[in-house]
Amino acid sequence: MNKNPFDNMAGDGRFKDRLRNRIGESVARNQQEGEQLREQLTRFLHARGRLWLGLPAVAVITFLSLFLLRTLDLPVTEALAKGGIAAGIVSLWWVVGIWGSADRRLAKEKVEEDDENPLSRWIERQKQRSVIANRLLRGFGVLLSVAALVAICSPQLEMLFTEDGQTVHAVFGILLKLFCAGALALPVKLTAPRE
């Protein structure tokens, strides 16, 4: 007859014990992750006042700058709508930036995990060894950031250089993407520990 290999394990009780242990480990891991999420949510809601006070400031700056830009090629009512939508989008990215800056402990654990990576250990050694290597790594990071920005803004750059009469629309798209990137990075930078 056809024998199932799990029949013997089930009869011994070892299978049940292993299954019970795995379920217990899974439940404990889920509870721990739930606690971490609650802590992060608490830190997010009670983030430093300057981060939450920055939200209306970011929205107003975005609205005014992009509204005024769009009034060059659109009627005022359409420019108001475009500026309001842009302010909402940038505000959403600001909130995401606050969320990203709210969890310090997980970031520290990630740094500890990255320390096990040979490439990150090599980069850290190079940073500690010389100022030149540190500057080269920063320059490489800036170069990669510019390349990523050009890749993200490529449709607007193409519109800017190829299509006539779309200059304001292309500049609007580029500025919106820059504001979003800044709104995401600034809260994280403001709460980063000083070196």
N, C-alpha and C. Protein backbone atom coordinates (compact mmCIF):
# COMPACT_ATOMS: atom_id res chain seq x y z
N MET A 1 0.81 -1.18 0.00
CA MET A 1 0.00 0.00 0.00
C MET A 1 0.86 1.25 0.00
N ASN A 2 0.18 2.32 -0.22
CA ASN A 2 0.84 3.62 -0.23
C ASN A 2 1.00 4.10 1.20
N LYS A 3 2.24 4.34 1.62
CA LYS A 3 2.48 4.80 2.99
C LYS A 3 2.80 6.29 2.98
N ASN A 4 2.21 6.98 3.87
CA ASN A 4 2.47 8.39 4.03
C ASN A 4 3.58 8.55 5.06
N PRO A 5 4.66 9.29 4.73
CA PRO A 5 5.76 9.43 5.69
C PRO A 5 5.36 10.20 6.94
N PHE A 6 4.29 10.97 6.87
CA PHE A 6 3.86 11.74 8.03
C PHE A 6 3.08 10.89 9.03
N ASP A 7 2.64 9.68 8.60
CA ASP A 7 1.89 8.83 9.52
C ASP A 7 2.73 8.45 10.72
N ASN A 8 3.99 8.08 10.49
CA ASN A 8 4.88 7.70 11.60
C ASN A 8 5.16 8.90 12.51
N MET A 9 5.36 10.06 11.89
CA MET A 9 5.65 11.24 12.70
C MET A 9 4.45 11.61 13.56
N ALA A 10 3.28 11.49 12.98
CA ALA A 10 2.08 11.84 13.74
C ALA A 10 1.87 10.86 14.88
N GLY A 11 2.24 9.61 14.66
CA GLY A 11 2.07 8.61 15.71
C GLY A 11 3.04 8.82 16.86
N ASP A 12 4.24 9.29 16.57
CA ASP A 12 5.24 9.51 17.61
C ASP A 12 4.94 10.73 18.47
N GLY A 13 4.25 11.66 17.93
CA GLY A 13 3.99 12.89 18.67
C GLY A 13 5.03 13.94 18.39
N ARG A 14 6.12 13.55 17.69
CA ARG A 14 7.15 14.54 17.36
C ARG A 14 6.62 15.58 16.38
N PHE A 15 5.82 15.13 15.44
CA PHE A 15 5.24 16.05 14.47
C PHE A 15 4.37 17.09 15.16
N LYS A 16 3.57 16.64 16.09
CA LYS A 16 2.69 17.56 16.82
C LYS A 16 3.51 18.54 17.64
N ASP A 17 4.59 18.05 18.26
CA ASP A 17 5.44 18.94 19.06
C ASP A 17 6.12 19.99 18.18
N ARG A 18 6.65 19.54 17.03
CA ARG A 18 7.30 20.49 16.13
C ARG A 18 6.30 21.50 15.58
N LEU A 19 5.12 21.01 15.24
CA LEU A 19 4.09 21.91 14.74
C LEU A 19 3.67 22.90 15.82
N ARG A 20 3.52 22.42 17.05
CA ARG A 20 3.16 23.30 18.16
C ARG A 20 4.25 24.34 18.40
N ASN A 21 5.53 23.91 18.32
CA ASN A 21 6.64 24.84 18.51
C ASN A 21 6.67 25.90 17.41
N ARG A 22 6.45 25.48 16.16
CA ARG A 22 6.45 26.43 15.06
C ARG A 22 5.31 27.43 15.19
N ILE A 23 4.16 26.96 15.58
CA ILE A 23 3.02 27.86 15.76
C ILE A 23 3.31 28.84 16.88
N GLY A 24 3.89 28.35 17.98
CA GLY A 24 4.25 29.22 19.10
C GLY A 24 5.26 30.27 18.70
N GLU A 25 6.28 29.88 17.91
CA GLU A 25 7.28 30.83 17.44
C GLU A 25 6.65 31.87 16.52
N SER A 26 5.76 31.41 15.66
CA SER A 26 5.09 32.33 14.74
C SER A 26 4.22 33.34 15.49
N VAL A 27 3.50 32.87 16.49
CA VAL A 27 2.66 33.76 17.28
C VAL A 27 3.52 34.77 18.04
N ALA A 28 4.64 34.31 18.61
CA ALA A 28 5.52 35.22 19.34
C ALA A 28 6.13 36.27 18.40
N ARG A 29 6.53 35.84 17.20
CA ARG A 29 7.10 36.77 16.24
C ARG A 29 6.05 37.80 15.80
N ASN A 30 4.83 37.35 15.57
CA ASN A 30 3.76 38.27 15.17
C ASN A 30 3.44 39.27 16.29
N GLN A 31 3.46 38.80 17.55
CA GLN A 31 3.21 39.71 18.66
C GLN A 31 4.33 40.75 18.77
N GLN A 32 5.57 40.31 18.57
CA GLN A 32 6.70 41.23 18.64
C GLN A 32 6.61 42.27 17.52
N GLU A 33 6.27 41.83 16.31
CA GLU A 33 6.13 42.77 15.21
C GLU A 33 4.96 43.73 15.45
N GLY A 34 3.89 43.23 16.06
CA GLY A 34 2.77 44.10 16.41
C GLY A 34 3.16 45.16 17.42
N GLU A 35 3.97 44.76 18.41
CA GLU A 35 4.46 45.73 19.40
C GLU A 35 5.34 46.79 18.74
N GLN A 36 6.23 46.35 17.82
CA GLN A 36 7.09 47.30 17.13
C GLN A 36 6.26 48.28 16.30
N LEU A 37 5.21 47.78 15.65
CA LEU A 37 4.35 48.64 14.87
C LEU A 37 3.61 49.64 15.76
N ARG A 38 3.15 49.19 16.93
CA ARG A 38 2.49 50.11 17.87
C ARG A 38 3.45 51.19 18.35
N GLU A 39 4.70 50.78 18.65
CA GLU A 39 5.70 51.77 19.09
C GLU A 39 5.99 52.78 17.99
N GLN A 40 6.12 52.28 16.75
CA GLN A 40 6.38 53.19 15.64
C GLN A 40 5.21 54.13 15.41
N LEU A 41 3.99 53.62 15.53
CA LEU A 41 2.81 54.47 15.36
C LEU A 41 2.74 55.53 16.46
N THR A 42 3.09 55.15 17.69
CA THR A 42 3.11 56.12 18.79
C THR A 42 4.16 57.20 18.53
N ARG A 43 5.36 56.79 18.09
CA ARG A 43 6.40 57.77 17.78
C ARG A 43 5.99 58.66 16.62
N PHE A 44 5.27 58.07 15.65
CA PHE A 44 4.81 58.84 14.49
C PHE A 44 3.81 59.91 14.92
N LEU A 45 2.87 59.54 15.77
CA LEU A 45 1.85 60.49 16.19
C LEU A 45 2.41 61.54 17.15
N HIS A 46 3.43 61.16 17.92
CA HIS A 46 4.02 62.10 18.88
C HIS A 46 5.38 62.58 18.39
N ALA A 47 5.54 62.67 17.07
CA ALA A 47 6.80 63.14 16.51
C ALA A 47 7.04 64.57 16.98
N ARG A 48 8.28 64.97 16.89
CA ARG A 48 8.61 66.32 17.34
C ARG A 48 7.70 67.35 16.67
N GLY A 49 7.33 68.34 17.42
CA GLY A 49 6.40 69.35 16.94
C GLY A 49 6.86 70.04 15.67
N ARG A 50 8.15 70.21 15.53
CA ARG A 50 8.62 70.93 14.35
C ARG A 50 8.34 70.15 13.07
N LEU A 51 8.30 68.82 13.16
CA LEU A 51 7.99 68.05 11.97
C LEU A 51 6.53 68.24 11.56
N TRP A 52 5.62 68.16 12.54
CA TRP A 52 4.21 68.35 12.22
C TRP A 52 3.91 69.80 11.89
N LEU A 53 4.63 70.73 12.50
CA LEU A 53 4.44 72.14 12.16
C LEU A 53 4.98 72.43 10.76
N GLY A 54 5.87 71.61 10.30
CA GLY A 54 6.40 71.78 8.95
C GLY A 54 5.41 71.39 7.87
N LEU A 55 4.41 70.59 8.22
CA LEU A 55 3.44 70.12 7.23
C LEU A 55 2.67 71.28 6.59
N PRO A 56 2.06 72.18 7.37
CA PRO A 56 1.38 73.30 6.70
C PRO A 56 2.35 74.22 5.96
N ALA A 57 3.54 74.37 6.49
CA ALA A 57 4.52 75.22 5.82
C ALA A 57 4.89 74.64 4.46
N VAL A 58 5.10 73.36 4.41
CA VAL A 58 5.42 72.69 3.15
C VAL A 58 4.26 72.83 2.16
N ALA A 59 3.05 72.64 2.65
CA ALA A 59 1.88 72.74 1.77
C ALA A 59 1.73 74.16 1.21
N VAL A 60 1.92 75.16 2.06
CA VAL A 60 1.76 76.55 1.61
C VAL A 60 2.86 76.92 0.61
N ILE A 61 4.09 76.56 0.91
CA ILE A 61 5.20 76.87 -0.01
C ILE A 61 4.98 76.20 -1.35
N THR A 62 4.59 74.92 -1.32
CA THR A 62 4.35 74.21 -2.57
C THR A 62 3.21 74.84 -3.35
N PHE A 63 2.11 75.11 -2.64
CA PHE A 63 0.95 75.70 -3.32
C PHE A 63 1.29 77.03 -3.97
N LEU A 64 1.92 77.91 -3.21
CA LEU A 64 2.21 79.24 -3.75
C LEU A 64 3.17 79.19 -4.92
N SER A 65 4.23 78.43 -4.79
CA SER A 65 5.22 78.41 -5.87
C SER A 65 4.66 77.76 -7.13
N LEU A 66 3.97 76.64 -6.99
CA LEU A 66 3.48 75.96 -8.18
C LEU A 66 2.22 76.63 -8.74
N PHE A 67 1.41 77.23 -7.89
CA PHE A 67 0.24 77.99 -8.37
C PHE A 67 0.71 79.17 -9.21
N LEU A 68 1.68 79.92 -8.69
CA LEU A 68 2.18 81.08 -9.44
C LEU A 68 2.83 80.65 -10.75
N LEU A 69 3.51 79.53 -10.74
CA LEU A 69 4.12 79.03 -11.97
C LEU A 69 3.05 78.66 -13.00
N ARG A 70 2.00 78.00 -12.56
CA ARG A 70 0.96 77.56 -13.50
C ARG A 70 0.09 78.71 -14.00
N THR A 71 0.08 79.84 -13.30
CA THR A 71 -0.70 80.97 -13.81
C THR A 71 -0.08 81.55 -15.08
N LEU A 72 1.15 81.17 -15.38
CA LEU A 72 1.78 81.65 -16.61
C LEU A 72 1.14 81.05 -17.85
N ASP A 73 0.60 79.83 -17.75
CA ASP A 73 0.04 79.19 -18.95
C ASP A 73 -1.41 78.72 -18.80
N LEU A 74 -2.00 78.84 -17.60
CA LEU A 74 -3.37 78.38 -17.39
C LEU A 74 -4.21 79.51 -16.79
N PRO A 75 -5.54 79.41 -16.94
CA PRO A 75 -6.40 80.36 -16.21
C PRO A 75 -6.24 80.14 -14.70
N VAL A 76 -6.60 81.14 -13.93
CA VAL A 76 -6.38 81.11 -12.49
C VAL A 76 -7.10 79.95 -11.82
N THR A 77 -8.31 79.63 -12.26
CA THR A 77 -9.05 78.54 -11.61
C THR A 77 -8.35 77.20 -11.81
N GLU A 78 -7.86 76.95 -13.01
CA GLU A 78 -7.14 75.69 -13.25
C GLU A 78 -5.80 75.69 -12.50
N ALA A 79 -5.14 76.84 -12.44
CA ALA A 79 -3.88 76.94 -11.71
C ALA A 79 -4.10 76.70 -10.22
N LEU A 80 -5.23 77.18 -9.69
CA LEU A 80 -5.56 76.91 -8.29
C LEU A 80 -5.71 75.42 -8.04
N ALA A 81 -6.40 74.74 -8.94
CA ALA A 81 -6.59 73.30 -8.79
C ALA A 81 -5.26 72.56 -8.86
N LYS A 82 -4.43 72.92 -9.83
CA LYS A 82 -3.12 72.26 -9.97
C LYS A 82 -2.24 72.52 -8.74
N GLY A 83 -2.25 73.74 -8.25
CA GLY A 83 -1.46 74.07 -7.05
C GLY A 83 -1.96 73.33 -5.83
N GLY A 84 -3.29 73.21 -5.68
CA GLY A 84 -3.86 72.48 -4.54
C GLY A 84 -3.53 71.00 -4.58
N ILE A 85 -3.62 70.42 -5.77
CA ILE A 85 -3.28 68.99 -5.90
C ILE A 85 -1.80 68.78 -5.59
N ALA A 86 -0.96 69.66 -6.11
CA ALA A 86 0.48 69.54 -5.85
C ALA A 86 0.78 69.68 -4.37
N ALA A 87 0.11 70.62 -3.69
CA ALA A 87 0.32 70.80 -2.25
C ALA A 87 -0.11 69.55 -1.49
N GLY A 88 -1.21 68.93 -1.90
CA GLY A 88 -1.65 67.69 -1.26
C GLY A 88 -0.67 66.56 -1.45
N ILE A 89 -0.13 66.43 -2.65
CA ILE A 89 0.83 65.36 -2.93
C ILE A 89 2.11 65.55 -2.11
N VAL A 90 2.63 66.76 -2.09
CA VAL A 90 3.86 67.02 -1.34
C VAL A 90 3.61 66.84 0.16
N SER A 91 2.43 67.23 0.63
CA SER A 91 2.10 67.03 2.06
C SER A 91 2.05 65.55 2.39
N LEU A 92 1.52 64.75 1.49
CA LEU A 92 1.50 63.30 1.71
C LEU A 92 2.92 62.75 1.82
N TRP A 93 3.81 63.21 0.97
CA TRP A 93 5.20 62.76 1.04
C TRP A 93 5.87 63.24 2.33
N TRP A 94 5.47 64.42 2.83
CA TRP A 94 6.01 64.90 4.10
C TRP A 94 5.59 63.95 5.24
N VAL A 95 4.32 63.53 5.22
CA VAL A 95 3.84 62.60 6.24
C VAL A 95 4.57 61.27 6.13
N VAL A 96 4.83 60.80 4.91
CA VAL A 96 5.60 59.57 4.74
C VAL A 96 7.02 59.75 5.28
N GLY A 97 7.59 60.92 5.09
CA GLY A 97 8.92 61.21 5.65
C GLY A 97 8.91 61.19 7.17
N ILE A 98 7.84 61.72 7.79
CA ILE A 98 7.72 61.67 9.25
C ILE A 98 7.62 60.21 9.70
N TRP A 99 6.84 59.42 8.97
CA TRP A 99 6.71 57.99 9.31
C TRP A 99 8.08 57.30 9.23
N GLY A 100 8.84 57.63 8.20
CA GLY A 100 10.17 57.03 8.04
C GLY A 100 11.14 57.44 9.14
N SER A 101 10.95 58.64 9.66
CA SER A 101 11.86 59.10 10.71
C SER A 101 11.42 58.66 12.09
N ALA A 102 10.23 58.06 12.20
CA ALA A 102 9.68 57.73 13.51
C ALA A 102 10.32 56.49 14.13
N ASP A 103 10.88 55.63 13.34
CA ASP A 103 11.36 54.37 13.90
C ASP A 103 12.88 54.34 13.93
N ARG A 104 13.44 54.59 15.10
CA ARG A 104 14.89 54.61 15.27
C ARG A 104 15.46 53.21 15.49
N ARG A 105 14.76 52.41 16.27
CA ARG A 105 15.31 51.12 16.68
C ARG A 105 15.47 50.18 15.49
N LEU A 106 14.46 50.17 14.61
CA LEU A 106 14.56 49.30 13.43
C LEU A 106 15.68 49.77 12.52
N ALA A 107 15.89 51.08 12.46
CA ALA A 107 16.99 51.60 11.66
C ALA A 107 18.33 51.16 12.24
N LYS A 108 18.44 51.16 13.58
CA LYS A 108 19.68 50.71 14.21
C LYS A 108 19.90 49.23 13.95
N GLU A 109 18.82 48.43 14.01
CA GLU A 109 18.96 47.00 13.71
C GLU A 109 19.39 46.79 12.28
N LYS A 110 18.88 47.61 11.35
CA LYS A 110 19.26 47.49 9.95
C LYS A 110 20.73 47.83 9.77
N VAL A 111 21.20 48.84 10.50
CA VAL A 111 22.61 49.20 10.41
C VAL A 111 23.47 48.05 10.92
N GLU A 112 23.02 47.40 12.02
CA GLU A 112 23.76 46.26 12.53
C GLU A 112 23.77 45.11 11.53
N GLU A 113 22.64 44.89 10.84
CA GLU A 113 22.60 43.85 9.81
C GLU A 113 23.51 44.21 8.65
N ASP A 114 23.54 45.50 8.27
CA ASP A 114 24.39 45.93 7.17
C ASP A 114 25.86 45.80 7.52
N ASP A 115 26.19 45.90 8.81
CA ASP A 115 27.57 45.75 9.21
C ASP A 115 28.10 44.35 8.91
N GLU A 116 27.19 43.39 8.79
CA GLU A 116 27.62 42.03 8.46
C GLU A 116 27.94 41.90 6.97
N ASN A 117 27.45 42.83 6.15
CA ASN A 117 27.68 42.80 4.73
C ASN A 117 29.13 43.22 4.45
N PRO A 118 29.89 42.45 3.66
CA PRO A 118 31.29 42.80 3.41
C PRO A 118 31.46 44.15 2.70
N LEU A 119 30.55 44.48 1.79
CA LEU A 119 30.66 45.74 1.07
C LEU A 119 30.49 46.92 2.02
N SER A 120 29.50 46.84 2.92
CA SER A 120 29.30 47.96 3.85
C SER A 120 30.47 48.05 4.84
N ARG A 121 31.03 46.92 5.24
CA ARG A 121 32.21 46.97 6.12
C ARG A 121 33.38 47.65 5.41
N TRP A 122 33.56 47.35 4.11
CA TRP A 122 34.63 47.95 3.35
C TRP A 122 34.41 49.46 3.24
N ILE A 123 33.18 49.87 2.98
CA ILE A 123 32.87 51.30 2.87
C ILE A 123 33.14 52.00 4.19
N GLU A 124 32.75 51.38 5.31
CA GLU A 124 33.01 51.98 6.62
C GLU A 124 34.51 52.11 6.89
N ARG A 125 35.27 51.09 6.51
CA ARG A 125 36.72 51.16 6.71
C ARG A 125 37.32 52.29 5.88
N GLN A 126 36.83 52.43 4.63
CA GLN A 126 37.34 53.50 3.78
C GLN A 126 36.99 54.87 4.34
N LYS A 127 35.81 55.01 4.91
CA LYS A 127 35.42 56.27 5.53
C LYS A 127 36.33 56.61 6.70
N GLN A 128 36.68 55.60 7.47
CA GLN A 128 37.50 55.84 8.65
C GLN A 128 38.96 56.07 8.28
N ARG A 129 39.42 55.51 7.18
CA ARG A 129 40.83 55.60 6.84
C ARG A 129 41.24 56.96 6.32
N SER A 130 40.46 57.52 5.42
CA SER A 130 40.94 58.76 4.82
C SER A 130 39.80 59.71 4.50
N VAL A 131 40.15 60.95 4.49
CA VAL A 131 39.19 61.99 4.13
C VAL A 131 38.90 61.93 2.64
N ILE A 132 39.89 61.58 1.85
CA ILE A 132 39.72 61.51 0.40
C ILE A 132 38.69 60.43 0.04
N ALA A 133 38.80 59.28 0.66
CA ALA A 133 37.83 58.21 0.38
C ALA A 133 36.43 58.63 0.79
N ASN A 134 36.32 59.34 1.90
CA ASN A 134 35.02 59.82 2.36
C ASN A 134 34.43 60.79 1.34
N ARG A 135 35.25 61.69 0.84
CA ARG A 135 34.77 62.65 -0.16
C ARG A 135 34.43 61.96 -1.48
N LEU A 136 35.20 60.96 -1.86
CA LEU A 136 34.89 60.22 -3.08
C LEU A 136 33.56 59.49 -2.95
N LEU A 137 33.33 58.88 -1.80
CA LEU A 137 32.05 58.19 -1.59
C LEU A 137 30.88 59.17 -1.60
N ARG A 138 31.05 60.33 -0.99
CA ARG A 138 29.99 61.34 -1.02
C ARG A 138 29.75 61.83 -2.45
N GLY A 139 30.82 62.05 -3.19
CA GLY A 139 30.69 62.48 -4.58
C GLY A 139 29.98 61.43 -5.42
N PHE A 140 30.30 60.18 -5.17
CA PHE A 140 29.63 59.09 -5.88
C PHE A 140 28.15 59.06 -5.52
N GLY A 141 27.84 59.30 -4.26
CA GLY A 141 26.43 59.36 -3.84
C GLY A 141 25.69 60.50 -4.50
N VAL A 142 26.32 61.67 -4.61
CA VAL A 142 25.69 62.81 -5.28
C VAL A 142 25.49 62.50 -6.75
N LEU A 143 26.47 61.88 -7.37
CA LEU A 143 26.36 61.51 -8.78
C LEU A 143 25.21 60.53 -9.01
N LEU A 144 25.09 59.55 -8.12
CA LEU A 144 23.97 58.61 -8.24
C LEU A 144 22.64 59.31 -8.02
N SER A 145 22.58 60.25 -7.09
CA SER A 145 21.34 60.99 -6.84
C SER A 145 20.94 61.81 -8.06
N VAL A 146 21.88 62.46 -8.69
CA VAL A 146 21.59 63.26 -9.88
C VAL A 146 21.12 62.34 -11.02
N ALA A 147 21.78 61.19 -11.16
CA ALA A 147 21.36 60.25 -12.20
C ALA A 147 19.95 59.74 -11.95
N ALA A 148 19.62 59.46 -10.69
CA ALA A 148 18.26 59.01 -10.37
C ALA A 148 17.25 60.12 -10.64
N LEU A 149 17.60 61.36 -10.31
CA LEU A 149 16.70 62.48 -10.56
C LEU A 149 16.47 62.67 -12.06
N VAL A 150 17.53 62.55 -12.84
CA VAL A 150 17.38 62.68 -14.30
C VAL A 150 16.51 61.55 -14.84
N ALA A 151 16.68 60.34 -14.32
CA ALA A 151 15.85 59.23 -14.77
C ALA A 151 14.38 59.43 -14.40
N ILE A 152 14.13 59.94 -13.20
CA ILE A 152 12.75 60.16 -12.76
C ILE A 152 12.10 61.30 -13.54
N CYS A 153 12.87 62.33 -13.84
CA CYS A 153 12.32 63.50 -14.53
C CYS A 153 12.50 63.42 -16.05
N SER A 154 12.85 62.29 -16.59
CA SER A 154 13.12 62.19 -18.03
C SER A 154 11.92 62.57 -18.90
N PRO A 155 10.66 62.21 -18.53
CA PRO A 155 9.56 62.66 -19.40
C PRO A 155 9.44 64.19 -19.44
N GLN A 156 9.63 64.84 -18.30
CA GLN A 156 9.54 66.30 -18.27
C GLN A 156 10.73 66.93 -18.99
N LEU A 157 11.92 66.34 -18.86
CA LEU A 157 13.08 66.87 -19.57
C LEU A 157 12.90 66.73 -21.07
N GLU A 158 12.34 65.61 -21.51
CA GLU A 158 12.08 65.43 -22.93
C GLU A 158 11.06 66.46 -23.42
N MET A 159 10.01 66.68 -22.62
CA MET A 159 9.00 67.67 -22.97
C MET A 159 9.61 69.07 -23.01
N LEU A 160 10.51 69.35 -22.11
CA LEU A 160 11.14 70.66 -22.03
C LEU A 160 11.97 70.96 -23.27
N PHE A 161 12.70 69.96 -23.76
CA PHE A 161 13.62 70.20 -24.86
C PHE A 161 13.04 69.91 -26.25
N THR A 162 11.94 69.18 -26.33
CA THR A 162 11.43 68.83 -27.65
C THR A 162 10.12 69.52 -28.01
N GLU A 163 9.23 69.70 -27.08
CA GLU A 163 7.92 70.24 -27.40
C GLU A 163 7.89 71.75 -27.17
N ASP A 164 7.37 72.45 -28.14
CA ASP A 164 7.24 73.91 -28.01
C ASP A 164 5.99 74.24 -27.21
N GLY A 165 6.08 75.24 -26.36
CA GLY A 165 4.94 75.70 -25.58
C GLY A 165 4.65 74.86 -24.35
N GLN A 166 5.48 73.91 -24.02
CA GLN A 166 5.27 73.06 -22.85
C GLN A 166 6.30 73.32 -21.76
N THR A 167 6.97 74.44 -21.83
CA THR A 167 8.04 74.74 -20.88
C THR A 167 7.51 74.82 -19.44
N VAL A 168 6.43 75.54 -19.25
CA VAL A 168 5.89 75.71 -17.90
C VAL A 168 5.40 74.38 -17.36
N HIS A 169 4.75 73.59 -18.21
CA HIS A 169 4.25 72.28 -17.79
C HIS A 169 5.41 71.36 -17.38
N ALA A 170 6.49 71.38 -18.15
CA ALA A 170 7.65 70.54 -17.85
C ALA A 170 8.33 71.00 -16.55
N VAL A 171 8.50 72.30 -16.39
CA VAL A 171 9.13 72.83 -15.16
C VAL A 171 8.25 72.51 -13.95
N PHE A 172 6.93 72.59 -14.11
CA PHE A 172 6.00 72.24 -13.04
C PHE A 172 6.21 70.79 -12.60
N GLY A 173 6.31 69.87 -13.56
CA GLY A 173 6.52 68.46 -13.23
C GLY A 173 7.84 68.22 -12.53
N ILE A 174 8.89 68.87 -13.01
CA ILE A 174 10.20 68.71 -12.39
C ILE A 174 10.20 69.25 -10.97
N LEU A 175 9.63 70.44 -10.78
CA LEU A 175 9.57 71.03 -9.44
C LEU A 175 8.73 70.19 -8.49
N LEU A 176 7.62 69.65 -8.98
CA LEU A 176 6.79 68.80 -8.13
C LEU A 176 7.56 67.58 -7.66
N LYS A 177 8.32 66.96 -8.55
CA LYS A 177 9.11 65.79 -8.16
C LYS A 177 10.23 66.17 -7.20
N LEU A 178 10.84 67.32 -7.39
CA LEU A 178 11.87 67.78 -6.46
C LEU A 178 11.28 68.07 -5.09
N PHE A 179 10.11 68.72 -5.06
CA PHE A 179 9.45 69.00 -3.78
C PHE A 179 9.09 67.70 -3.06
N CYS A 180 8.62 66.71 -3.81
CA CYS A 180 8.26 65.42 -3.19
C CYS A 180 9.50 64.74 -2.60
N ALA A 181 10.59 64.75 -3.35
CA ALA A 181 11.82 64.13 -2.84
C ALA A 181 12.32 64.87 -1.61
N GLY A 182 12.26 66.19 -1.64
CA GLY A 182 12.68 66.97 -0.48
C GLY A 182 11.78 66.76 0.72
N ALA A 183 10.47 66.66 0.46
CA ALA A 183 9.53 66.44 1.56
C ALA A 183 9.71 65.07 2.19
N LEU A 184 10.16 64.11 1.42
CA LEU A 184 10.42 62.78 1.97
C LEU A 184 11.74 62.76 2.74
N ALA A 185 12.75 63.42 2.23
CA ALA A 185 14.08 63.35 2.84
C ALA A 185 14.27 64.29 4.03
N LEU A 186 13.62 65.43 4.03
CA LEU A 186 13.87 66.43 5.07
C LEU A 186 13.50 65.96 6.48
N PRO A 187 12.33 65.35 6.71
CA PRO A 187 12.05 64.89 8.08
C PRO A 187 13.04 63.83 8.56
N VAL A 188 13.46 62.97 7.65
CA VAL A 188 14.44 61.94 8.03
C VAL A 188 15.77 62.60 8.38
N LYS A 189 16.16 63.59 7.60
CA LYS A 189 17.41 64.29 7.86
C LYS A 189 17.36 65.09 9.16
N LEU A 190 16.21 65.70 9.44
CA LEU A 190 16.08 66.49 10.66
C LEU A 190 16.15 65.64 11.93
N THR A 191 15.72 64.40 11.84
CA THR A 191 15.73 63.54 13.03
C THR A 191 16.92 62.59 13.06
N ALA A 192 17.77 62.65 12.05
CA ALA A 192 18.94 61.76 12.03
C ALA A 192 19.92 62.18 13.12
N PRO A 193 20.56 61.20 13.76
CA PRO A 193 21.54 61.55 14.79
C PRO A 193 22.73 62.25 14.18
N ARG A 194 23.24 63.23 14.88
CA ARG A 194 24.40 63.98 14.41
C ARG A 194 25.65 63.14 14.57
N GLU A 195 26.51 63.21 13.54
CA GLU A 195 27.76 62.43 13.59
C GLU A 195 28.87 63.27 14.17
